[in-house]
Amino acid sequence: MRTIRQGGSRELEIRRSRFVCTLARAADEAEAAAFIAAHRRAHRDATHNCTAYVVGEHGEITKSSDDGEPAGTAGVPMLEVLLRRGLTGTAAVVTRYFGGVKLGAGGLVRAYSQAVADAVDAVGVVELRPAVTVTVGVDHALAGRFLGDLHAAGHRPGDVRYAATVEADVAVPAEDLAAFEAWAAEVTAGRAALRRGAAGHIEVPVP
């Protein structure tokens, strides 16, 4: 699965019309709809607020709207860009301010497609890989060195807690679980307490 790295906006001007694409991450259809509704309220002065979103674990839920543009010239081209990029959990609104020059059906398709593509390029894309949170507990005497070893090995703990022992939560790719646990045991000479927790995803930037 892939999604945008973060929300953001990008503006494109074509023959005096402004096309502003705003992207947001959306965990589900309700979140996508809420983002779109809020954006339309905030930009009710625009000529059009055309929309598209893809949500669901496998991108199985899609929807688009031309918002008054000729049928098939805005929402569908926007949606096709999201699908071609393999994105899910992503909602897009392209706000158009008409500049007085008609673009024709082909021109509109190109404009709305380019607006979304430029915005996706600007905010970046991440790949969501299955991961499991592993809690590693060590004595205070080992904590400094072990946390340093974690960072040196490319593991960035999401949370570190200091109590009777020091515990660090590390999101580990599912396929690397056994290797990580063996590594943690080795660098602590078997003195680490390991506990597997919730399954989720880690985000890996896509070049």
N, C-alpha and C. Protein backbone atom coordinates (compact mmCIF):
# COMPACT_ATOMS: atom_id res chain seq x y z
N MET A 1 0.83 -1.19 0.00
CA MET A 1 0.00 0.00 0.00
C MET A 1 0.87 1.24 0.00
N ARG A 2 0.34 2.29 -0.62
CA ARG A 2 1.01 3.58 -0.61
C ARG A 2 0.01 4.66 -0.26
N THR A 3 0.50 5.74 0.33
CA THR A 3 -0.31 6.90 0.60
C THR A 3 0.58 8.12 0.53
N ILE A 4 -0.03 9.31 0.58
CA ILE A 4 0.79 10.52 0.56
C ILE A 4 1.53 10.65 1.89
N ARG A 5 2.69 11.25 1.85
CA ARG A 5 3.50 11.40 3.07
C ARG A 5 2.82 12.34 4.05
N GLN A 6 2.17 13.38 3.52
CA GLN A 6 1.50 14.37 4.35
C GLN A 6 0.51 15.15 3.49
N GLY A 7 -0.36 15.90 4.12
CA GLY A 7 -1.25 16.76 3.38
C GLY A 7 -0.52 17.98 2.85
N GLY A 8 -1.13 18.67 1.89
CA GLY A 8 -0.51 19.86 1.34
C GLY A 8 -1.26 20.36 0.11
N SER A 9 -0.83 21.50 -0.41
CA SER A 9 -1.48 22.11 -1.56
C SER A 9 -0.46 22.50 -2.62
N ARG A 10 -0.95 22.58 -3.85
CA ARG A 10 -0.12 23.00 -4.98
C ARG A 10 -1.01 23.75 -5.96
N GLU A 11 -0.53 24.87 -6.46
CA GLU A 11 -1.33 25.69 -7.37
C GLU A 11 -0.78 25.64 -8.78
N LEU A 12 -1.71 25.61 -9.74
CA LEU A 12 -1.37 25.55 -11.16
C LEU A 12 -2.21 26.60 -11.87
N GLU A 13 -1.61 27.38 -12.75
CA GLU A 13 -2.37 28.37 -13.52
C GLU A 13 -2.32 28.02 -14.99
N ILE A 14 -3.49 27.93 -15.61
CA ILE A 14 -3.60 27.61 -17.03
C ILE A 14 -4.58 28.59 -17.66
N ARG A 15 -4.08 29.39 -18.56
CA ARG A 15 -4.90 30.35 -19.30
C ARG A 15 -5.79 31.17 -18.36
N ARG A 16 -5.17 31.69 -17.35
CA ARG A 16 -5.75 32.59 -16.35
C ARG A 16 -6.67 31.90 -15.34
N SER A 17 -6.95 30.62 -15.51
CA SER A 17 -7.69 29.88 -14.47
C SER A 17 -6.70 29.32 -13.46
N ARG A 18 -7.04 29.43 -12.17
CA ARG A 18 -6.20 28.88 -11.10
C ARG A 18 -6.78 27.54 -10.65
N PHE A 19 -5.95 26.54 -10.62
CA PHE A 19 -6.32 25.21 -10.13
C PHE A 19 -5.47 24.93 -8.90
N VAL A 20 -6.10 24.87 -7.73
CA VAL A 20 -5.38 24.64 -6.48
C VAL A 20 -5.77 23.25 -5.96
N CYS A 21 -4.81 22.34 -5.98
CA CYS A 21 -5.07 20.98 -5.49
C CYS A 21 -4.64 20.88 -4.04
N THR A 22 -5.55 20.46 -3.20
CA THR A 22 -5.25 20.23 -1.79
C THR A 22 -5.45 18.75 -1.48
N LEU A 23 -4.44 18.14 -0.88
CA LEU A 23 -4.46 16.72 -0.55
C LEU A 23 -4.49 16.53 0.96
N ALA A 24 -5.14 15.45 1.38
CA ALA A 24 -5.16 15.10 2.81
C ALA A 24 -5.17 13.60 2.95
N ARG A 25 -4.58 13.12 4.02
CA ARG A 25 -4.67 11.70 4.34
C ARG A 25 -6.03 11.44 4.97
N ALA A 26 -6.63 10.31 4.64
CA ALA A 26 -7.95 9.95 5.16
C ALA A 26 -7.95 8.47 5.51
N ALA A 27 -8.24 8.17 6.78
CA ALA A 27 -8.22 6.78 7.23
C ALA A 27 -9.39 5.98 6.69
N ASP A 28 -10.51 6.66 6.41
CA ASP A 28 -11.70 5.95 5.92
C ASP A 28 -12.56 6.92 5.13
N GLU A 29 -13.70 6.42 4.64
CA GLU A 29 -14.56 7.23 3.79
C GLU A 29 -15.15 8.42 4.55
N ALA A 30 -15.49 8.22 5.82
CA ALA A 30 -16.05 9.32 6.61
C ALA A 30 -15.04 10.45 6.76
N GLU A 31 -13.79 10.10 6.97
CA GLU A 31 -12.75 11.13 7.12
C GLU A 31 -12.52 11.87 5.82
N ALA A 32 -12.56 11.14 4.69
CA ALA A 32 -12.41 11.78 3.39
C ALA A 32 -13.56 12.74 3.13
N ALA A 33 -14.79 12.30 3.41
CA ALA A 33 -15.96 13.14 3.19
C ALA A 33 -15.94 14.37 4.07
N ALA A 34 -15.48 14.24 5.31
CA ALA A 34 -15.41 15.38 6.22
C ALA A 34 -14.39 16.41 5.73
N PHE A 35 -13.24 15.94 5.25
CA PHE A 35 -12.23 16.84 4.70
C PHE A 35 -12.78 17.60 3.50
N ILE A 36 -13.45 16.89 2.61
CA ILE A 36 -14.01 17.53 1.41
C ILE A 36 -15.07 18.56 1.78
N ALA A 37 -15.95 18.21 2.69
CA ALA A 37 -17.01 19.13 3.10
C ALA A 37 -16.42 20.40 3.72
N ALA A 38 -15.42 20.24 4.58
CA ALA A 38 -14.80 21.40 5.22
C ALA A 38 -14.10 22.28 4.19
N HIS A 39 -13.45 21.64 3.21
CA HIS A 39 -12.74 22.41 2.19
C HIS A 39 -13.72 23.19 1.33
N ARG A 40 -14.84 22.57 0.97
CA ARG A 40 -15.83 23.27 0.17
C ARG A 40 -16.43 24.46 0.92
N ARG A 41 -16.65 24.31 2.22
CA ARG A 41 -17.17 25.43 3.00
C ARG A 41 -16.17 26.58 3.03
N ALA A 42 -14.90 26.23 3.16
CA ALA A 42 -13.86 27.25 3.25
C ALA A 42 -13.60 27.94 1.92
N HIS A 43 -13.97 27.30 0.81
CA HIS A 43 -13.70 27.85 -0.53
C HIS A 43 -14.99 27.93 -1.34
N ARG A 44 -16.06 28.36 -0.70
CA ARG A 44 -17.36 28.43 -1.39
C ARG A 44 -17.38 29.51 -2.47
N ASP A 45 -16.37 30.41 -2.44
CA ASP A 45 -16.30 31.45 -3.47
C ASP A 45 -15.68 30.95 -4.77
N ALA A 46 -15.16 29.74 -4.78
CA ALA A 46 -14.51 29.20 -5.97
C ALA A 46 -15.55 28.84 -7.03
N THR A 47 -15.12 28.77 -8.28
CA THR A 47 -16.01 28.37 -9.37
C THR A 47 -16.39 26.90 -9.23
N HIS A 48 -15.41 26.06 -8.90
CA HIS A 48 -15.65 24.62 -8.72
C HIS A 48 -14.73 24.09 -7.62
N ASN A 49 -15.22 23.10 -6.89
CA ASN A 49 -14.39 22.32 -5.97
C ASN A 49 -14.59 20.85 -6.34
N CYS A 50 -13.75 20.36 -7.23
CA CYS A 50 -13.87 18.98 -7.74
C CYS A 50 -13.09 18.04 -6.83
N THR A 51 -13.57 16.82 -6.69
CA THR A 51 -13.02 15.95 -5.66
C THR A 51 -12.80 14.52 -6.14
N ALA A 52 -11.92 13.85 -5.42
CA ALA A 52 -11.69 12.41 -5.63
C ALA A 52 -11.04 11.86 -4.37
N TYR A 53 -11.35 10.61 -4.05
CA TYR A 53 -10.64 9.96 -2.96
C TYR A 53 -10.57 8.46 -3.17
N VAL A 54 -9.53 7.88 -2.56
CA VAL A 54 -9.33 6.43 -2.53
C VAL A 54 -9.04 6.06 -1.09
N VAL A 55 -9.83 5.16 -0.53
CA VAL A 55 -9.61 4.71 0.85
C VAL A 55 -9.81 3.20 0.91
N GLY A 56 -9.51 2.63 2.07
CA GLY A 56 -9.60 1.18 2.25
C GLY A 56 -8.23 0.57 2.24
N GLU A 57 -8.10 -0.56 2.93
CA GLU A 57 -6.79 -1.19 3.06
C GLU A 57 -6.16 -1.50 1.72
N HIS A 58 -6.98 -1.82 0.72
CA HIS A 58 -6.47 -2.13 -0.61
C HIS A 58 -6.97 -1.13 -1.64
N GLY A 59 -7.39 0.05 -1.20
CA GLY A 59 -7.87 1.05 -2.13
C GLY A 59 -9.16 0.68 -2.81
N GLU A 60 -9.99 -0.10 -2.11
CA GLU A 60 -11.20 -0.63 -2.74
C GLU A 60 -12.38 0.34 -2.76
N ILE A 61 -12.27 1.45 -2.03
CA ILE A 61 -13.37 2.42 -2.00
C ILE A 61 -12.92 3.69 -2.71
N THR A 62 -13.63 4.06 -3.78
CA THR A 62 -13.28 5.24 -4.55
C THR A 62 -14.52 6.08 -4.82
N LYS A 63 -14.31 7.37 -5.00
CA LYS A 63 -15.42 8.27 -5.33
C LYS A 63 -14.86 9.54 -5.94
N SER A 64 -15.61 10.15 -6.86
CA SER A 64 -15.17 11.39 -7.47
C SER A 64 -16.37 12.25 -7.81
N SER A 65 -16.12 13.54 -7.97
CA SER A 65 -17.19 14.49 -8.32
C SER A 65 -16.63 15.58 -9.23
N ASP A 66 -17.40 15.90 -10.28
CA ASP A 66 -17.01 16.98 -11.20
C ASP A 66 -17.47 18.35 -10.71
N ASP A 67 -18.37 18.39 -9.75
CA ASP A 67 -18.85 19.64 -9.14
C ASP A 67 -19.20 20.70 -10.18
N GLY A 68 -19.95 20.32 -11.19
CA GLY A 68 -20.41 21.31 -12.16
C GLY A 68 -19.58 21.42 -13.42
N GLU A 69 -18.38 20.87 -13.43
CA GLU A 69 -17.62 20.82 -14.68
C GLU A 69 -18.27 19.79 -15.61
N PRO A 70 -18.02 19.86 -16.92
CA PRO A 70 -18.58 18.85 -17.83
C PRO A 70 -18.26 17.44 -17.35
N ALA A 71 -19.23 16.55 -17.46
CA ALA A 71 -19.09 15.19 -16.93
C ALA A 71 -17.82 14.51 -17.42
N GLY A 72 -17.07 13.95 -16.48
CA GLY A 72 -15.87 13.18 -16.81
C GLY A 72 -14.62 13.99 -17.05
N THR A 73 -14.70 15.33 -16.85
CA THR A 73 -13.52 16.16 -17.14
C THR A 73 -12.70 16.54 -15.92
N ALA A 74 -13.19 16.22 -14.73
CA ALA A 74 -12.49 16.67 -13.52
C ALA A 74 -12.31 15.55 -12.51
N GLY A 75 -13.41 15.10 -11.88
CA GLY A 75 -13.31 14.11 -10.82
C GLY A 75 -12.66 12.81 -11.26
N VAL A 76 -13.10 12.28 -12.38
CA VAL A 76 -12.54 11.01 -12.86
C VAL A 76 -11.06 11.13 -13.20
N PRO A 77 -10.63 12.15 -13.94
CA PRO A 77 -9.18 12.30 -14.18
C PRO A 77 -8.38 12.44 -12.88
N MET A 78 -8.94 13.14 -11.90
CA MET A 78 -8.26 13.25 -10.60
C MET A 78 -8.12 11.88 -9.95
N LEU A 79 -9.20 11.12 -9.96
CA LEU A 79 -9.19 9.78 -9.37
C LEU A 79 -8.19 8.88 -10.07
N GLU A 80 -8.12 8.99 -11.39
CA GLU A 80 -7.21 8.13 -12.14
C GLU A 80 -5.75 8.39 -11.77
N VAL A 81 -5.41 9.64 -11.46
CA VAL A 81 -4.05 9.93 -11.03
C VAL A 81 -3.75 9.21 -9.71
N LEU A 82 -4.68 9.30 -8.76
CA LEU A 82 -4.48 8.62 -7.47
C LEU A 82 -4.34 7.11 -7.67
N LEU A 83 -5.17 6.54 -8.54
CA LEU A 83 -5.11 5.10 -8.77
C LEU A 83 -3.83 4.69 -9.49
N ARG A 84 -3.40 5.48 -10.47
CA ARG A 84 -2.16 5.15 -11.19
C ARG A 84 -0.96 5.19 -10.25
N ARG A 85 -1.00 6.08 -9.26
CA ARG A 85 0.11 6.17 -8.30
C ARG A 85 0.01 5.06 -7.23
N GLY A 86 -1.06 4.28 -7.27
CA GLY A 86 -1.21 3.20 -6.30
C GLY A 86 -1.52 3.68 -4.91
N LEU A 87 -2.18 4.84 -4.78
CA LEU A 87 -2.42 5.45 -3.48
C LEU A 87 -3.73 4.98 -2.86
N THR A 88 -3.76 4.93 -1.56
CA THR A 88 -4.99 4.77 -0.80
C THR A 88 -4.90 5.71 0.40
N GLY A 89 -6.00 5.82 1.16
CA GLY A 89 -6.00 6.73 2.30
C GLY A 89 -5.74 8.16 1.91
N THR A 90 -6.20 8.56 0.71
CA THR A 90 -5.88 9.88 0.16
C THR A 90 -7.13 10.54 -0.41
N ALA A 91 -7.34 11.80 -0.05
CA ALA A 91 -8.44 12.59 -0.59
C ALA A 91 -7.86 13.83 -1.28
N ALA A 92 -8.48 14.21 -2.40
CA ALA A 92 -8.00 15.36 -3.17
C ALA A 92 -9.16 16.28 -3.53
N VAL A 93 -8.92 17.58 -3.40
CA VAL A 93 -9.87 18.60 -3.87
C VAL A 93 -9.10 19.54 -4.78
N VAL A 94 -9.60 19.75 -5.99
CA VAL A 94 -9.02 20.77 -6.87
C VAL A 94 -10.01 21.92 -6.94
N THR A 95 -9.59 23.05 -6.41
CA THR A 95 -10.41 24.25 -6.38
C THR A 95 -10.05 25.10 -7.60
N ARG A 96 -11.06 25.37 -8.43
CA ARG A 96 -10.81 26.15 -9.64
C ARG A 96 -11.43 27.54 -9.53
N TYR A 97 -10.59 28.52 -9.87
CA TYR A 97 -11.06 29.90 -10.00
C TYR A 97 -11.00 30.24 -11.48
N PHE A 98 -12.15 30.37 -12.11
CA PHE A 98 -12.24 30.54 -13.56
C PHE A 98 -11.62 31.87 -13.98
N GLY A 99 -10.78 31.80 -15.01
CA GLY A 99 -10.06 32.99 -15.46
C GLY A 99 -10.64 33.65 -16.69
N GLY A 100 -11.78 33.15 -17.17
CA GLY A 100 -12.43 33.81 -18.31
C GLY A 100 -12.18 33.14 -19.65
N VAL A 101 -11.28 32.15 -19.70
CA VAL A 101 -10.99 31.46 -20.96
C VAL A 101 -11.39 30.00 -20.82
N LYS A 102 -12.29 29.53 -21.69
CA LYS A 102 -12.72 28.13 -21.64
C LYS A 102 -11.60 27.22 -22.15
N LEU A 103 -11.43 26.08 -21.50
CA LEU A 103 -10.33 25.18 -21.85
C LEU A 103 -10.76 24.02 -22.73
N GLY A 104 -12.06 23.77 -22.83
CA GLY A 104 -12.52 22.61 -23.57
C GLY A 104 -12.36 21.35 -22.74
N ALA A 105 -13.04 20.29 -23.17
CA ALA A 105 -13.02 19.04 -22.39
C ALA A 105 -11.61 18.49 -22.22
N GLY A 106 -10.87 18.44 -23.32
CA GLY A 106 -9.51 17.91 -23.24
C GLY A 106 -8.62 18.75 -22.35
N GLY A 107 -8.76 20.06 -22.42
CA GLY A 107 -7.96 20.94 -21.60
C GLY A 107 -8.27 20.79 -20.12
N LEU A 108 -9.56 20.60 -19.81
CA LEU A 108 -9.95 20.40 -18.42
C LEU A 108 -9.38 19.10 -17.86
N VAL A 109 -9.47 18.03 -18.64
CA VAL A 109 -8.92 16.74 -18.20
C VAL A 109 -7.44 16.88 -17.89
N ARG A 110 -6.71 17.54 -18.79
CA ARG A 110 -5.27 17.70 -18.57
C ARG A 110 -4.99 18.57 -17.35
N ALA A 111 -5.77 19.63 -17.18
CA ALA A 111 -5.54 20.55 -16.07
C ALA A 111 -5.79 19.88 -14.72
N TYR A 112 -6.91 19.18 -14.60
CA TYR A 112 -7.22 18.54 -13.32
C TYR A 112 -6.26 17.39 -13.02
N SER A 113 -5.88 16.66 -14.05
CA SER A 113 -4.90 15.58 -13.86
C SER A 113 -3.56 16.13 -13.41
N GLN A 114 -3.11 17.19 -14.09
CA GLN A 114 -1.80 17.75 -13.75
C GLN A 114 -1.80 18.36 -12.36
N ALA A 115 -2.92 18.99 -11.98
CA ALA A 115 -2.99 19.60 -10.65
C ALA A 115 -2.78 18.56 -9.56
N VAL A 116 -3.42 17.41 -9.70
CA VAL A 116 -3.27 16.35 -8.70
C VAL A 116 -1.87 15.75 -8.75
N ALA A 117 -1.38 15.48 -9.96
CA ALA A 117 -0.05 14.89 -10.08
C ALA A 117 1.02 15.79 -9.48
N ASP A 118 0.92 17.11 -9.73
CA ASP A 118 1.90 18.05 -9.18
C ASP A 118 1.83 18.08 -7.66
N ALA A 119 0.61 18.02 -7.13
CA ALA A 119 0.45 18.05 -5.67
C ALA A 119 1.03 16.79 -5.03
N VAL A 120 0.79 15.64 -5.63
CA VAL A 120 1.33 14.38 -5.10
C VAL A 120 2.86 14.43 -5.12
N ASP A 121 3.42 14.93 -6.22
CA ASP A 121 4.88 15.06 -6.29
C ASP A 121 5.41 15.98 -5.19
N ALA A 122 4.65 17.04 -4.89
CA ALA A 122 5.10 18.02 -3.91
C ALA A 122 5.08 17.48 -2.50
N VAL A 123 4.05 16.73 -2.14
CA VAL A 123 3.95 16.25 -0.74
C VAL A 123 4.69 14.95 -0.51
N GLY A 124 4.94 14.19 -1.58
CA GLY A 124 5.67 12.93 -1.45
C GLY A 124 4.76 11.74 -1.15
N VAL A 125 5.32 10.57 -1.35
CA VAL A 125 4.58 9.31 -1.18
C VAL A 125 5.36 8.39 -0.26
N VAL A 126 4.63 7.65 0.57
CA VAL A 126 5.26 6.64 1.41
C VAL A 126 4.60 5.29 1.17
N GLU A 127 5.38 4.25 1.36
CA GLU A 127 4.85 2.89 1.28
C GLU A 127 4.54 2.41 2.69
N LEU A 128 3.36 1.84 2.87
CA LEU A 128 2.96 1.33 4.18
C LEU A 128 3.26 -0.16 4.24
N ARG A 129 4.20 -0.52 5.09
CA ARG A 129 4.60 -1.92 5.20
C ARG A 129 4.14 -2.50 6.55
N PRO A 130 3.63 -3.74 6.54
CA PRO A 130 3.18 -4.36 7.80
C PRO A 130 4.31 -4.38 8.82
N ALA A 131 3.95 -4.04 10.06
CA ALA A 131 4.96 -4.00 11.13
C ALA A 131 4.33 -4.39 12.44
N VAL A 132 5.17 -4.77 13.39
CA VAL A 132 4.73 -5.12 14.73
C VAL A 132 5.54 -4.27 15.71
N THR A 133 4.87 -3.72 16.71
CA THR A 133 5.58 -2.96 17.74
C THR A 133 6.18 -3.93 18.76
N VAL A 134 7.49 -3.86 18.91
CA VAL A 134 8.20 -4.69 19.88
C VAL A 134 8.67 -3.79 21.02
N THR A 135 8.29 -4.12 22.24
CA THR A 135 8.75 -3.39 23.42
C THR A 135 9.99 -4.08 23.96
N VAL A 136 11.08 -3.32 24.04
CA VAL A 136 12.35 -3.86 24.53
C VAL A 136 12.65 -3.21 25.88
N GLY A 137 12.82 -4.03 26.91
CA GLY A 137 13.14 -3.52 28.24
C GLY A 137 14.56 -3.88 28.64
N VAL A 138 15.30 -2.90 29.14
CA VAL A 138 16.67 -3.14 29.59
C VAL A 138 16.90 -2.40 30.91
N ASP A 139 17.93 -2.83 31.65
CA ASP A 139 18.31 -2.14 32.88
C ASP A 139 18.80 -0.73 32.56
N HIS A 140 18.71 0.15 33.54
CA HIS A 140 19.18 1.52 33.34
C HIS A 140 20.65 1.56 32.94
N ALA A 141 21.44 0.64 33.46
CA ALA A 141 22.87 0.64 33.15
C ALA A 141 23.14 0.37 31.68
N LEU A 142 22.22 -0.34 31.02
CA LEU A 142 22.39 -0.68 29.60
C LEU A 142 21.68 0.30 28.68
N ALA A 143 20.81 1.12 29.22
CA ALA A 143 19.88 1.89 28.39
C ALA A 143 20.57 2.81 27.40
N GLY A 144 21.55 3.60 27.87
CA GLY A 144 22.20 4.55 26.99
C GLY A 144 22.85 3.88 25.79
N ARG A 145 23.59 2.82 26.07
CA ARG A 145 24.27 2.12 24.98
C ARG A 145 23.27 1.46 24.05
N PHE A 146 22.23 0.84 24.63
CA PHE A 146 21.27 0.14 23.79
C PHE A 146 20.50 1.12 22.89
N LEU A 147 20.10 2.26 23.42
CA LEU A 147 19.39 3.24 22.60
C LEU A 147 20.29 3.75 21.48
N GLY A 148 21.57 3.90 21.80
CA GLY A 148 22.52 4.29 20.76
C GLY A 148 22.64 3.23 19.69
N ASP A 149 22.68 1.96 20.11
CA ASP A 149 22.74 0.86 19.14
C ASP A 149 21.49 0.82 18.27
N LEU A 150 20.33 1.10 18.87
CA LEU A 150 19.08 1.13 18.10
C LEU A 150 19.17 2.15 16.97
N HIS A 151 19.58 3.36 17.30
CA HIS A 151 19.66 4.42 16.29
C HIS A 151 20.71 4.08 15.24
N ALA A 152 21.86 3.54 15.68
CA ALA A 152 22.92 3.20 14.73
C ALA A 152 22.47 2.13 13.75
N ALA A 153 21.58 1.23 14.21
CA ALA A 153 21.09 0.15 13.34
C ALA A 153 19.88 0.59 12.51
N GLY A 154 19.48 1.86 12.64
CA GLY A 154 18.36 2.37 11.83
C GLY A 154 17.00 2.16 12.45
N HIS A 155 16.94 1.77 13.72
CA HIS A 155 15.66 1.58 14.41
C HIS A 155 15.39 2.82 15.27
N ARG A 156 14.25 3.46 15.04
CA ARG A 156 13.92 4.67 15.78
C ARG A 156 12.74 4.39 16.72
N PRO A 157 12.99 4.32 18.01
CA PRO A 157 11.91 4.01 18.95
C PRO A 157 10.83 5.09 18.94
N GLY A 158 9.57 4.65 18.99
CA GLY A 158 8.48 5.61 19.00
C GLY A 158 8.25 6.19 20.38
N ASP A 159 8.55 5.42 21.41
CA ASP A 159 8.33 5.88 22.78
C ASP A 159 9.36 5.21 23.68
N VAL A 160 9.91 5.98 24.60
CA VAL A 160 10.87 5.44 25.57
C VAL A 160 10.37 5.82 26.96
N ARG A 161 10.27 4.82 27.84
CA ARG A 161 9.74 5.05 29.19
C ARG A 161 10.79 4.64 30.23
N TYR A 162 10.95 5.50 31.23
CA TYR A 162 11.93 5.26 32.29
C TYR A 162 11.16 4.96 33.57
N ALA A 163 11.29 3.74 34.06
CA ALA A 163 10.66 3.33 35.32
C ALA A 163 11.66 2.41 36.03
N ALA A 164 11.17 1.25 36.51
CA ALA A 164 12.09 0.30 37.14
C ALA A 164 13.14 -0.16 36.12
N THR A 165 12.69 -0.29 34.86
CA THR A 165 13.61 -0.54 33.74
C THR A 165 13.33 0.52 32.68
N VAL A 166 14.12 0.51 31.64
CA VAL A 166 13.90 1.43 30.52
C VAL A 166 13.28 0.62 29.38
N GLU A 167 12.11 1.05 28.91
CA GLU A 167 11.42 0.35 27.84
C GLU A 167 11.33 1.23 26.60
N ALA A 168 11.63 0.63 25.46
CA ALA A 168 11.55 1.34 24.18
C ALA A 168 10.62 0.56 23.25
N ASP A 169 9.69 1.28 22.62
CA ASP A 169 8.79 0.68 21.63
C ASP A 169 9.39 0.88 20.25
N VAL A 170 9.55 -0.22 19.51
CA VAL A 170 10.17 -0.16 18.20
C VAL A 170 9.24 -0.82 17.19
N ALA A 171 8.88 -0.09 16.13
CA ALA A 171 8.08 -0.66 15.05
C ALA A 171 9.01 -1.42 14.12
N VAL A 172 8.79 -2.72 14.01
CA VAL A 172 9.68 -3.59 13.23
C VAL A 172 8.90 -4.20 12.07
N PRO A 173 9.43 -4.12 10.84
CA PRO A 173 8.75 -4.77 9.72
C PRO A 173 8.47 -6.23 10.05
N ALA A 174 7.28 -6.70 9.69
CA ALA A 174 6.84 -8.05 10.07
C ALA A 174 7.85 -9.11 9.63
N GLU A 175 8.42 -8.94 8.44
CA GLU A 175 9.35 -9.96 7.95
C GLU A 175 10.69 -9.94 8.66
N ASP A 176 10.95 -8.87 9.44
CA ASP A 176 12.24 -8.74 10.13
C ASP A 176 12.15 -9.02 11.63
N LEU A 177 10.99 -9.50 12.10
CA LEU A 177 10.80 -9.68 13.54
C LEU A 177 11.85 -10.59 14.16
N ALA A 178 12.00 -11.77 13.60
CA ALA A 178 12.94 -12.73 14.18
C ALA A 178 14.36 -12.19 14.18
N ALA A 179 14.75 -11.53 13.08
CA ALA A 179 16.10 -10.98 12.99
C ALA A 179 16.30 -9.87 14.01
N PHE A 180 15.29 -9.03 14.21
CA PHE A 180 15.41 -7.94 15.18
C PHE A 180 15.55 -8.49 16.59
N GLU A 181 14.73 -9.46 16.92
CA GLU A 181 14.79 -10.03 18.27
C GLU A 181 16.13 -10.69 18.54
N ALA A 182 16.67 -11.36 17.52
CA ALA A 182 17.99 -11.97 17.68
C ALA A 182 19.06 -10.90 17.86
N TRP A 183 18.94 -9.80 17.09
CA TRP A 183 19.91 -8.70 17.20
C TRP A 183 19.83 -8.07 18.59
N ALA A 184 18.62 -7.81 19.10
CA ALA A 184 18.46 -7.19 20.42
C ALA A 184 19.06 -8.07 21.51
N ALA A 185 18.86 -9.37 21.39
CA ALA A 185 19.43 -10.29 22.37
C ALA A 185 20.95 -10.27 22.31
N GLU A 186 21.49 -10.18 21.08
CA GLU A 186 22.94 -10.20 20.93
C GLU A 186 23.60 -8.95 21.50
N VAL A 187 23.05 -7.75 21.16
CA VAL A 187 23.72 -6.51 21.58
C VAL A 187 23.56 -6.25 23.08
N THR A 188 22.61 -6.94 23.71
CA THR A 188 22.45 -6.77 25.17
C THR A 188 22.93 -8.00 25.93
N ALA A 189 23.62 -8.90 25.24
CA ALA A 189 24.11 -10.13 25.86
C ALA A 189 22.97 -10.91 26.55
N GLY A 190 21.81 -10.91 25.89
CA GLY A 190 20.68 -11.67 26.40
C GLY A 190 19.97 -11.04 27.58
N ARG A 191 20.27 -9.78 27.86
CA ARG A 191 19.69 -9.13 29.05
C ARG A 191 18.47 -8.26 28.72
N ALA A 192 18.01 -8.31 27.48
CA ALA A 192 16.83 -7.54 27.09
C ALA A 192 15.57 -8.39 27.25
N ALA A 193 14.50 -7.76 27.73
CA ALA A 193 13.18 -8.41 27.78
C ALA A 193 12.38 -7.91 26.60
N LEU A 194 11.93 -8.85 25.76
CA LEU A 194 11.22 -8.49 24.52
C LEU A 194 9.75 -8.88 24.61
N ARG A 195 8.89 -7.97 24.16
CA ARG A 195 7.46 -8.25 24.19
C ARG A 195 6.84 -7.72 22.90
N ARG A 196 6.20 -8.62 22.15
CA ARG A 196 5.52 -8.21 20.92
C ARG A 196 4.17 -7.57 21.24
N GLY A 197 3.85 -6.50 20.53
CA GLY A 197 2.61 -5.79 20.76
C GLY A 197 1.73 -5.72 19.52
N ALA A 198 1.19 -4.53 19.29
CA ALA A 198 0.17 -4.35 18.25
C ALA A 198 0.79 -4.41 16.85
N ALA A 199 0.00 -4.96 15.93
CA ALA A 199 0.36 -4.96 14.51
C ALA A 199 -0.09 -3.63 13.90
N GLY A 200 0.68 -3.15 12.94
CA GLY A 200 0.33 -1.90 12.27
C GLY A 200 1.13 -1.75 11.00
N HIS A 201 1.58 -0.56 10.71
CA HIS A 201 2.37 -0.30 9.52
C HIS A 201 3.49 0.68 9.84
N ILE A 202 4.55 0.58 9.08
CA ILE A 202 5.58 1.62 9.10
C ILE A 202 5.59 2.30 7.74
N GLU A 203 6.05 3.55 7.72
CA GLU A 203 6.06 4.32 6.49
C GLU A 203 7.47 4.41 5.94
N VAL A 204 7.62 4.00 4.69
CA VAL A 204 8.92 4.03 4.04
C VAL A 204 8.81 4.99 2.84
N PRO A 205 9.62 6.07 2.81
CA PRO A 205 9.54 7.02 1.68
C PRO A 205 9.76 6.33 0.35
N VAL A 206 8.97 6.74 -0.66
CA VAL A 206 9.13 6.21 -2.02
C VAL A 206 9.87 7.27 -2.82
N PRO A 207 11.01 6.92 -3.42
CA PRO A 207 11.79 7.91 -4.19
C PRO A 207 10.98 8.50 -5.33
